[in-house]
Protein backbone atom coordinates (compact mmCIF):
# COMPACT_ATOMS: atom_id res chain seq x y z
CA UNK A 1 -15.44 -23.49 56.95
CA UNK A 2 -11.64 -23.07 55.74
CA UNK A 3 -12.47 -25.62 53.05
CA UNK A 4 -15.21 -23.75 51.78
CA UNK A 5 -13.02 -20.31 51.57
CA UNK A 6 -10.45 -22.90 49.29
CA UNK A 7 -12.98 -23.21 47.23
CA UNK A 8 -14.54 -19.99 46.93
CA UNK A 9 -10.53 -18.44 46.57
CA UNK A 10 -10.26 -21.35 43.69
CA UNK A 11 -13.14 -20.17 41.87
CA UNK A 12 -11.89 -16.69 41.80
CA UNK A 13 -8.66 -17.58 40.75
CA UNK A 14 -10.13 -20.05 37.60
CA UNK A 15 -11.89 -16.87 37.08
CA UNK A 16 -9.13 -14.21 36.80
CA UNK A 17 -7.01 -16.94 34.80
CA UNK A 18 -9.73 -16.99 32.34
CA UNK A 19 -10.04 -13.64 32.12
CA UNK A 20 -6.62 -13.03 31.56
CA UNK A 21 -5.95 -15.20 29.09
CA UNK A 22 -8.90 -14.02 27.28
CA UNK A 23 -7.08 -11.05 26.47
CA UNK A 24 -3.71 -13.07 25.37
CA UNK A 25 -2.27 -13.69 21.70
CA UNK A 26 -0.29 -17.56 22.02
CA UNK A 27 2.18 -17.44 19.87
CA UNK A 28 2.35 -21.49 18.96
CA UNK A 29 1.21 -22.34 15.38
CA UNK A 30 -2.11 -22.23 14.06
CA UNK A 31 -3.61 -25.04 11.90
CA UNK A 32 -6.93 -24.86 10.93
CA UNK A 33 -6.57 -22.01 8.47
CA UNK A 34 -6.55 -23.47 5.38
CA UNK A 35 -4.19 -23.47 2.84
CA UNK A 36 -5.28 -22.48 -0.48
CA UNK A 37 -7.16 -18.51 -2.40
CA UNK A 38 -9.15 -16.80 0.14
CA UNK A 39 -11.17 -13.39 -0.84
CA UNK A 40 -10.92 -10.69 1.63
CA UNK A 41 -13.70 -7.55 1.39
CA UNK A 42 -13.66 -4.52 2.89
CA UNK A 43 -16.55 -2.68 4.08
CA UNK A 44 -15.92 1.09 3.76
CA UNK A 45 -18.73 2.24 4.71
CA UNK A 46 -19.04 0.66 8.01
CA UNK A 47 -18.31 1.33 11.58
CA UNK A 48 -18.14 -1.52 12.90
CA UNK A 49 -14.98 -3.37 13.78
CA UNK A 50 -16.89 -6.88 11.91
CA UNK A 51 -19.82 -8.61 11.03
CA UNK A 52 -20.90 -11.01 13.87
CA UNK A 53 -23.20 -14.39 13.11
CA UNK A 54 -21.98 -15.26 10.03
CA UNK A 55 -21.64 -18.97 9.37
CA UNK A 56 -20.31 -21.37 6.93
CA UNK A 57 -23.81 -22.00 5.85
CA UNK A 58 -23.96 -18.65 4.43
CA UNK A 59 -21.13 -18.85 2.32
CA UNK A 60 -22.30 -18.75 -1.18
CA UNK A 61 -19.45 -20.22 -3.53
CA UNK A 62 -21.53 -19.75 -6.66
CA UNK A 63 -19.59 -16.54 -7.57
CA UNK A 64 -22.53 -14.78 -8.68
CA UNK A 65 -24.18 -11.83 -7.07
CA UNK A 66 -26.84 -9.12 -7.30
CA UNK A 67 -25.02 -6.38 -7.78
CA UNK A 68 -21.86 -5.15 -7.67
CA UNK A 69 -21.29 -2.79 -4.65
CA UNK A 70 -19.80 0.58 -4.75
CA UNK A 71 -18.87 0.50 -1.02
CA UNK A 72 -17.13 -2.79 -0.91
CA UNK A 73 -13.56 -3.33 -1.79
CA UNK A 74 -12.52 -6.98 -3.09
CA UNK A 75 -8.65 -8.38 -2.73
CA UNK A 76 -7.57 -11.43 -2.79
CA UNK A 77 -4.74 -13.26 -1.04
CA UNK A 78 -3.60 -16.84 -0.93
CA UNK A 79 -2.89 -18.18 2.60
CA UNK A 80 0.33 -21.23 3.07
CA UNK A 81 3.06 -22.86 4.85
CA UNK A 82 6.33 -23.53 4.27
CA UNK A 83 8.43 -26.24 4.94
CA UNK A 84 8.82 -25.19 8.58
CA UNK A 85 5.12 -25.21 8.75
CA UNK A 86 5.62 -21.54 9.38
CA UNK A 87 2.03 -20.14 7.93
CA UNK A 88 2.50 -17.26 5.13
CA UNK A 89 0.32 -15.36 3.33
CA UNK A 90 0.57 -13.86 -0.73
CA UNK A 91 -1.55 -10.56 -1.27
CA UNK A 92 -2.17 -10.75 -4.87
CA UNK A 93 -3.17 -7.27 -7.09
CA UNK A 94 -2.53 -8.14 -11.44
CA UNK A 95 1.09 -9.08 -11.21
CA UNK A 96 1.64 -7.52 -7.98
CA UNK A 97 2.70 -10.50 -5.12
CA UNK A 98 3.01 -8.89 -1.48
CA UNK A 99 4.70 -12.04 0.76
CA UNK A 100 3.23 -11.45 3.86
CA UNK A 101 5.50 -13.75 7.18
CA UNK A 102 4.30 -11.57 10.28
CA UNK A 103 1.20 -13.67 11.76
CA UNK A 104 0.45 -14.18 15.35
CA UNK A 105 -2.50 -16.24 16.00
CA UNK A 106 -4.45 -16.70 19.58
CA UNK A 107 -7.64 -17.42 20.92
CA UNK A 108 -10.48 -15.41 22.37
CA UNK A 109 -11.89 -17.36 25.14
CA UNK A 110 -15.06 -14.68 25.71
CA UNK A 111 -16.43 -15.44 22.52
CA UNK A 112 -14.72 -18.98 21.91
CA UNK A 113 -13.20 -17.66 18.60
CA UNK A 114 -9.28 -18.53 17.13
CA UNK A 115 -7.44 -14.55 16.86
CA UNK A 116 -5.52 -13.40 14.00
CA UNK A 117 -2.92 -10.95 13.39
CA UNK A 118 -1.29 -9.76 10.33
CA UNK A 119 1.28 -7.36 10.23
CA UNK A 120 2.21 -6.28 6.13
CA UNK A 121 6.13 -5.63 5.46
CA UNK A 122 7.62 -1.87 5.22
CA UNK A 123 4.69 -0.41 7.49
CA UNK A 124 3.46 -0.67 11.02
CA UNK A 125 -0.52 -1.52 9.18
CA UNK A 126 -2.05 -4.86 10.08
CA UNK A 127 -5.29 -6.95 9.59
CA UNK A 128 -6.53 -7.90 13.27
CA UNK A 129 -9.47 -10.08 13.68
CA UNK A 130 -11.21 -13.56 14.38
CA UNK A 131 -11.40 -17.04 12.64
CA UNK A 132 -13.78 -20.21 12.41
CA UNK A 133 -15.69 -21.96 10.15
CA UNK A 134 -13.34 -20.83 7.05
CA UNK A 135 -14.33 -17.21 7.63
CA UNK A 136 -12.26 -14.41 8.82
CA UNK A 137 -13.86 -11.06 10.66
CA UNK A 138 -12.06 -8.22 11.95
CA UNK A 139 -10.32 -4.87 10.76
CA UNK A 140 -7.56 -3.20 8.50
CA UNK A 141 -5.62 -1.03 10.86
CA UNK A 142 -3.94 2.28 9.71
CA UNK A 143 -1.97 3.16 12.83
CA UNK A 144 -0.61 5.75 12.03
CA UNK A 145 -3.43 7.80 11.00
CA UNK A 146 -4.71 7.66 14.38
CA UNK A 147 -7.91 5.59 15.13
CA UNK A 148 -8.29 4.52 11.49
CA UNK A 149 -9.95 0.68 11.43
CA UNK A 150 -11.81 -0.49 7.77
CA UNK A 151 -13.79 -4.11 8.69
CA UNK A 152 -13.40 -6.44 6.52
CA UNK A 153 -14.68 -10.17 6.04
CA UNK A 154 -12.43 -12.83 4.27
CA UNK A 155 -13.98 -16.18 2.62
CA UNK A 156 -12.00 -19.35 1.99
CA UNK A 157 -12.67 -21.24 -1.49
CA UNK A 158 -13.39 -17.90 -3.71
CA UNK A 159 -11.78 -17.56 -6.65
CA UNK A 160 -12.88 -14.66 -8.23
CA UNK A 161 -12.13 -10.73 -7.14
CA UNK A 162 -15.44 -9.09 -7.91
CA UNK A 163 -18.59 -11.42 -8.25
CA UNK A 164 -20.32 -10.44 -11.35
CA UNK A 165 -24.46 -9.91 -10.98
CA UNK A 166 -26.46 -12.75 -12.12
CA UNK A 167 -27.89 -11.06 -14.79
CA UNK A 168 -24.20 -9.91 -16.44
CA UNK A 169 -23.58 -10.75 -20.06
CA UNK A 170 -20.78 -13.77 -20.72
CA UNK A 171 -19.37 -11.11 -23.20
CA UNK A 172 -18.83 -7.20 -21.89
CA UNK A 173 -20.84 -4.93 -24.66
CA UNK A 174 -17.66 -2.67 -24.17
CA UNK A 175 -13.68 -2.66 -24.88
CA UNK A 176 -11.60 -0.40 -22.79
CA UNK A 177 -8.69 -1.60 -23.59
CA UNK A 178 -5.54 0.91 -24.62
CA UNK A 179 -4.55 4.17 -23.21
CA UNK A 180 -7.04 7.18 -21.60
CA UNK A 181 -6.53 10.69 -20.91
CA UNK A 182 -8.55 10.77 -17.24
CA UNK A 183 -9.38 13.84 -15.31
CA UNK A 184 -10.18 13.26 -11.25
CA UNK A 185 -12.29 15.90 -10.15
CA UNK A 186 -13.80 16.87 -13.05
CA UNK A 187 -14.88 20.75 -13.43
CA UNK A 188 -13.11 21.27 -10.34
CA UNK A 189 -10.57 24.09 -8.76
CA UNK A 190 -8.32 20.98 -8.14
CA UNK A 191 -8.91 18.64 -11.22
CA UNK A 192 -5.74 16.80 -12.42
CA UNK A 193 -5.39 15.32 -15.80
CA UNK A 194 -4.30 11.81 -15.53
CA UNK A 195 -3.42 8.43 -18.09
CA UNK A 196 -5.01 5.49 -17.95
CA UNK A 197 -3.46 2.33 -18.99
CA UNK A 198 -6.40 -0.80 -19.25
CA UNK A 199 -5.64 -4.40 -20.10
CA UNK A 200 -8.99 -6.25 -21.01
CA UNK A 201 -9.35 -9.94 -21.94
CA UNK A 202 -13.02 -10.42 -22.09
CA UNK A 203 -14.71 -9.64 -18.44
CA UNK A 204 -11.08 -9.64 -16.95
CA UNK A 205 -9.15 -6.42 -16.56
CA UNK A 206 -5.83 -5.22 -15.54
CA UNK A 207 -4.37 -1.50 -15.83
CA UNK A 208 -3.09 1.91 -13.38
CA UNK A 209 -3.51 5.67 -13.75
CA UNK A 210 -0.37 7.63 -13.65
CA UNK A 211 0.05 11.16 -12.74
CA UNK A 212 2.78 13.56 -12.07
CA UNK A 213 2.87 11.92 -8.60
CA UNK A 214 3.84 8.54 -10.19
CA UNK A 215 1.05 5.87 -10.69
CA UNK A 216 -1.59 3.77 -8.77
CA UNK A 217 0.56 0.82 -9.31
CA UNK A 218 -1.39 -2.78 -9.93
CA UNK A 219 -5.54 -2.63 -10.28
CA UNK A 220 -7.40 -5.63 -11.21
CA UNK A 221 -11.46 -6.35 -11.48
CA UNK A 222 -13.91 -6.99 -14.05
CA UNK A 223 -15.42 -5.49 -17.11
CA UNK A 224 -19.86 -6.00 -16.22
CA UNK A 225 -21.74 -5.06 -19.26
CA UNK A 226 -20.99 -1.43 -19.82
CA UNK A 227 -18.89 -0.87 -16.15
CA UNK A 228 -15.76 -1.54 -15.34
CA UNK A 229 -14.23 -2.16 -11.56
CA UNK A 230 -10.72 -2.58 -10.23
CA UNK A 231 -9.31 -2.76 -6.62
CA UNK A 232 -6.32 -2.93 -5.09
CA UNK A 233 -4.82 -4.06 -1.57
CA UNK A 234 -0.98 -4.13 -0.63
CA UNK A 235 -2.13 -3.13 3.46
CA UNK A 236 -0.63 0.09 2.84
CA UNK A 237 -2.88 1.07 0.15
CA UNK A 238 -6.98 0.30 -0.49
CA UNK A 239 -8.12 1.52 -3.70
CA UNK A 240 -11.51 1.14 -5.63
CA UNK A 241 -12.22 2.33 -8.99
CA UNK A 242 -15.84 2.26 -11.00
CA UNK A 243 -16.63 3.68 -13.92
CA UNK A 244 -19.58 3.32 -16.63
CA UNK A 245 -18.99 3.75 -20.43
CA UNK A 246 -21.47 6.38 -21.96
CA UNK A 247 -23.32 5.84 -25.57
CA UNK A 248 -20.51 9.17 -26.78
CA UNK A 249 -17.56 6.37 -25.58
CA UNK A 250 -16.99 8.35 -22.02
CA UNK A 251 -15.85 7.06 -19.29
CA UNK A 252 -17.53 7.94 -15.85
CA UNK A 253 -16.75 6.73 -12.60
CA UNK A 254 -15.79 7.08 -9.15
CA UNK A 255 -12.85 6.60 -6.84
CA UNK A 256 -12.19 5.43 -3.17
CA UNK A 257 -8.96 4.97 -1.03
CA UNK A 258 -10.18 3.60 1.93
CA UNK A 259 -12.41 4.91 4.35
CA UNK A 260 -11.19 8.47 4.18
CA UNK A 261 -11.34 9.77 0.33
CA UNK A 262 -13.35 9.23 -2.47
CA UNK A 263 -13.74 11.48 -5.56
CA UNK A 264 -14.91 11.35 -9.38
CA UNK A 265 -13.36 10.81 -12.40
CA UNK A 266 -14.33 10.86 -16.36
CA UNK A 267 -11.59 9.49 -19.01
CA UNK A 268 -11.98 10.11 -22.80
CA UNK A 269 -9.42 7.46 -25.34
CA UNK A 270 -6.47 9.64 -26.04
CA UNK A 271 -2.90 7.82 -27.35
CA UNK A 272 -1.09 11.19 -26.54
CA UNK A 273 -1.51 12.57 -22.84
CA UNK A 274 1.11 14.95 -21.65
CA UNK A 275 1.97 14.91 -17.77
CA UNK A 276 4.75 18.15 -16.21
CA UNK A 277 8.69 16.71 -16.87
CA UNK A 278 9.48 14.88 -13.76
CA UNK A 279 13.34 16.58 -13.96
CA UNK A 280 11.79 19.95 -14.05
CA UNK A 281 9.32 20.11 -11.36
CA UNK A 282 10.79 20.12 -8.29
CA UNK A 283 12.09 23.79 -6.75
CA UNK A 284 15.69 24.61 -5.78
CA UNK A 285 16.64 26.99 -3.20
CA UNK A 286 19.97 26.36 -3.77
CA UNK A 287 23.11 25.04 -5.37
CA UNK A 288 23.72 22.05 -3.03
CA UNK A 289 21.25 19.76 -1.23
CA UNK A 290 21.41 20.42 2.51
CA UNK A 291 18.78 18.65 5.36
CA UNK A 292 18.50 17.90 9.01
CA UNK A 293 17.45 14.75 10.04
CA UNK A 294 17.72 11.81 12.55
CA UNK A 295 19.55 8.48 12.00
CA UNK A 296 17.34 5.19 13.20
CA UNK A 297 18.96 5.98 16.71
CA UNK A 298 17.67 8.95 17.34
CA UNK A 299 21.04 10.96 16.36
CA UNK A 300 21.43 14.36 14.63
CA UNK A 301 23.03 13.75 10.73
CA UNK A 302 23.12 16.59 8.42
CA UNK A 303 24.69 16.39 4.59
CA UNK A 304 28.15 16.88 6.29
CA UNK A 305 28.12 13.31 7.39
CA UNK A 306 28.00 11.76 3.87
CA UNK A 307 30.12 13.86 1.63
CA UNK A 308 32.43 12.93 -0.46
CA UNK A 309 31.82 9.69 -2.68
CA UNK A 310 28.44 10.46 -5.84
CA UNK A 311 25.10 10.14 -4.09
CA UNK A 312 20.84 9.10 -5.26
CA UNK A 313 19.34 11.09 -2.40
CA UNK A 314 15.27 10.24 -2.11
CA UNK A 315 12.95 11.34 -0.13
CA UNK A 316 10.16 8.77 0.35
CA UNK A 317 8.19 7.29 3.53
CA UNK A 318 6.38 4.27 4.48
CA UNK A 319 3.24 5.13 3.80
CA UNK A 320 4.14 5.49 0.14
CA UNK A 321 4.25 2.40 -2.34
CA UNK A 322 5.70 4.38 -5.50
CA UNK A 323 8.73 5.36 -2.37
CA UNK A 324 8.58 1.32 -2.06
CA UNK A 325 9.78 0.76 -6.38
CA UNK A 326 12.11 3.09 -6.40
CA UNK A 327 14.01 1.73 -3.69
CA UNK A 328 14.20 -1.47 -5.33
CA UNK A 329 15.69 0.39 -8.60
CA UNK A 330 17.91 2.37 -5.90
CA UNK A 331 19.31 -0.52 -4.76
CA UNK A 332 20.11 -1.82 -7.63
CA UNK A 333 22.11 1.36 -9.20
CA UNK A 334 24.14 1.27 -5.63
CA UNK A 335 25.10 -2.26 -6.34
CA UNK A 336 26.08 -1.89 -10.20
CA UNK A 337 27.74 1.96 -9.98
CA UNK A 338 28.87 1.90 -6.30
CA UNK A 339 27.19 5.05 -5.89
CA UNK A 340 25.95 6.59 -1.98
CA UNK A 341 21.75 6.10 -1.73
CA UNK A 342 20.06 7.72 1.08
CA UNK A 343 16.49 8.00 2.11
CA UNK A 344 14.74 11.23 4.40
CA UNK A 345 11.50 9.54 5.26
CA UNK A 346 8.50 12.11 6.61
CA UNK A 347 5.67 10.01 8.17
CA UNK A 348 2.52 10.55 9.67
CA UNK A 349 3.22 9.83 13.55
CA UNK A 350 3.95 13.10 14.94
CA UNK A 351 5.50 10.90 17.78
CA UNK A 352 9.64 11.15 17.01
CA UNK A 353 9.56 7.25 18.88
CA UNK A 354 7.14 5.94 16.87
CA UNK A 355 8.00 6.87 13.38
CA UNK A 356 11.63 5.52 14.22
CA UNK A 357 10.16 2.48 14.70
CA UNK A 358 8.34 2.62 11.38
CA UNK A 359 11.48 3.84 9.39
CA UNK A 360 13.69 1.06 10.79
CA UNK A 361 11.17 -1.68 9.92
CA UNK A 362 10.88 -0.24 6.79
CA UNK A 363 14.67 -0.49 5.80
CA UNK A 364 14.46 -4.16 7.56
CA UNK A 365 12.00 -5.52 5.94
CA UNK A 366 12.56 -4.33 2.54
CA UNK A 367 15.99 -5.37 3.33
CA UNK A 368 17.74 -1.59 2.27
CA UNK A 369 21.54 -1.66 2.85
CA UNK A 370 21.37 2.22 2.96
CA UNK A 371 20.24 4.17 5.35
CA UNK A 372 17.08 5.58 5.74
CA UNK A 373 16.87 8.65 7.94
CA UNK A 374 13.68 10.62 9.55
CA UNK A 375 13.15 14.01 8.15
CA UNK A 376 10.36 14.25 10.51
CA UNK A 377 6.44 14.07 9.97
CA UNK A 378 4.53 15.06 6.88
CA UNK A 379 4.19 19.41 8.09
CA UNK A 380 4.67 21.40 5.67
CA UNK A 381 6.89 23.75 8.35
CA UNK A 382 8.90 20.46 9.25
CA UNK A 383 9.20 19.50 6.12
CA UNK A 384 11.09 22.89 5.10
CA UNK A 385 12.89 23.33 8.19
CA UNK A 386 14.67 19.63 7.07
CA UNK A 387 14.75 20.58 3.46
CA UNK A 388 15.79 23.82 2.78
CA UNK A 389 17.57 23.27 -0.41
CA UNK A 390 13.97 22.90 -1.83
CA UNK A 391 10.52 24.53 -2.20
CA UNK A 392 8.50 22.12 -0.66
CA UNK A 393 8.20 18.16 -1.75
CA UNK A 394 5.92 17.95 -5.02
CA UNK A 395 5.11 14.20 -5.24
CA UNK A 396 7.00 10.96 -3.18
CA UNK A 397 9.22 9.68 -4.03
CA UNK A 398 11.60 12.43 -5.17
CA UNK A 399 15.05 11.27 -6.26
CA UNK A 400 18.34 13.77 -6.00
CA UNK A 401 21.14 12.92 -8.13
CA UNK A 402 24.14 14.48 -6.12
CA UNK A 403 28.17 15.05 -6.89
CA UNK A 404 30.38 13.88 -4.14
CA UNK A 405 30.17 17.60 -2.54
CA UNK A 406 26.01 16.92 -2.77
CA UNK A 407 25.83 19.67 -5.60
CA UNK A 408 22.36 18.76 -7.17
CA UNK A 409 23.09 17.48 -10.91
CA UNK A 410 19.63 15.95 -11.22
CA UNK A 411 16.49 15.66 -10.17
CA UNK A 412 13.18 13.43 -10.42
CA UNK A 413 9.97 13.70 -9.19
CA UNK A 414 7.47 11.71 -8.70
CA UNK A 415 7.61 7.58 -9.80
CA UNK A 416 5.74 5.88 -12.12
CA UNK A 417 6.59 1.93 -11.66
CA UNK A 418 6.42 -1.43 -13.13
CA UNK A 419 2.95 -1.34 -13.45
CA UNK A 420 3.41 1.21 -15.95
CA UNK A 421 4.26 1.57 -19.41
CA UNK A 422 6.51 3.99 -18.84
CA UNK A 423 8.76 2.60 -16.50
CA UNK A 424 11.17 0.68 -18.86
CA UNK A 425 11.62 4.41 -20.10
CA UNK A 426 12.30 5.92 -16.53
CA UNK A 427 14.69 2.70 -15.75
CA UNK A 428 16.89 3.70 -18.89
CA UNK A 429 16.57 7.64 -17.86
CA UNK A 430 18.08 6.50 -14.26
CA UNK A 431 20.67 4.33 -15.54
CA UNK A 432 22.00 7.11 -18.24
CA UNK A 433 21.68 10.02 -15.52
CA UNK A 434 23.60 7.59 -12.38
CA UNK A 435 26.15 6.68 -14.90
CA UNK A 436 26.85 10.78 -15.76
CA UNK A 437 27.08 11.18 -12.29
CA UNK A 438 29.75 8.81 -11.96
CA UNK A 439 31.50 9.96 -14.69
CA UNK A 440 31.24 13.46 -13.43
CA UNK A 441 32.56 12.93 -10.15
CA UNK A 442 35.76 11.09 -11.79
């Protein structure tokens, strides 16, 4: 009887251990994921977390498709191993490369599949899923938006971002190279003027859109007969654009951001397009910049804690990719001119501790040598209480150029980064203002 009970106990223990380990992610090196090029696909209209049952035999490497889908967002990335055998991923959008090194692996014994979690730098967003037979299946998660997940798959060896349809012509019917006047939400009360900048080489196309708040950064895609397709995925944002050129030369299309936003847009060729002046967009209510914020230890701080030297202060957020571009430039100005740089972040997380963790990760991952403070969450009343010297934040980032007493010398709303043709002019403007600011304070 005792022996039988012992065997029964062992059986229950074994079942318990298997159940426990099916929920654990192991940190051991994972060597089965092959290095090289992968193509991912975000399924914007799909609700399930992954598409089970797809095996290697179902993967067609011909790089052709029946048609390009307007609800599937493609992206490209490379998998590699460093000299220590540690795995990394590089996500590619036109000239941009986003390096990801925070990757963990394990095993889900309940389905006998290898698992992975890939965490993007400067944010708490991640890709999570299973891997088998050169295919990844899972979801992209944005924790700051609550239960926000977008299913995805990735295929090893796929070389093209968009698969042109089988019946597509080898030479496109249209040429969209150049500058365009773009209208988002045409005919609506909230229609907005932007600038489209496209570079076309045969069926390949790259470009971006510039508006009063900044730009859509690095977009890449294809020209299919009389249509264009562009996408971008950097772990923070997922953009998909499509448009068709009509006989009168006008572009009409759609824009999707993740699974939460969709709108229409149209465009006509135009070399000169006027946007708002970024140095006059922000409305000031005080000659001096006042703020209330928290440092990353949760201590309350104000402008009084930073007085005494010329300062570049910018309104930012881990969710704002234009802010990352601004952070890089402000870091350069900090080193060249010796000015103080301060960031005040507003995050989607309502929970203060969660927001502080994201801010600390943002600062650490971007290797910023200056403080990033937490102003609060993205609530108008919270922002107004944190920043009483301005009438709201018109765009992220917004940069304020302050003298040693925090008098506002200049401001710059929005940021068009290195993906645009106007970036070099912006850099010159920032250098000029900073140089004058340092001279002003001497």
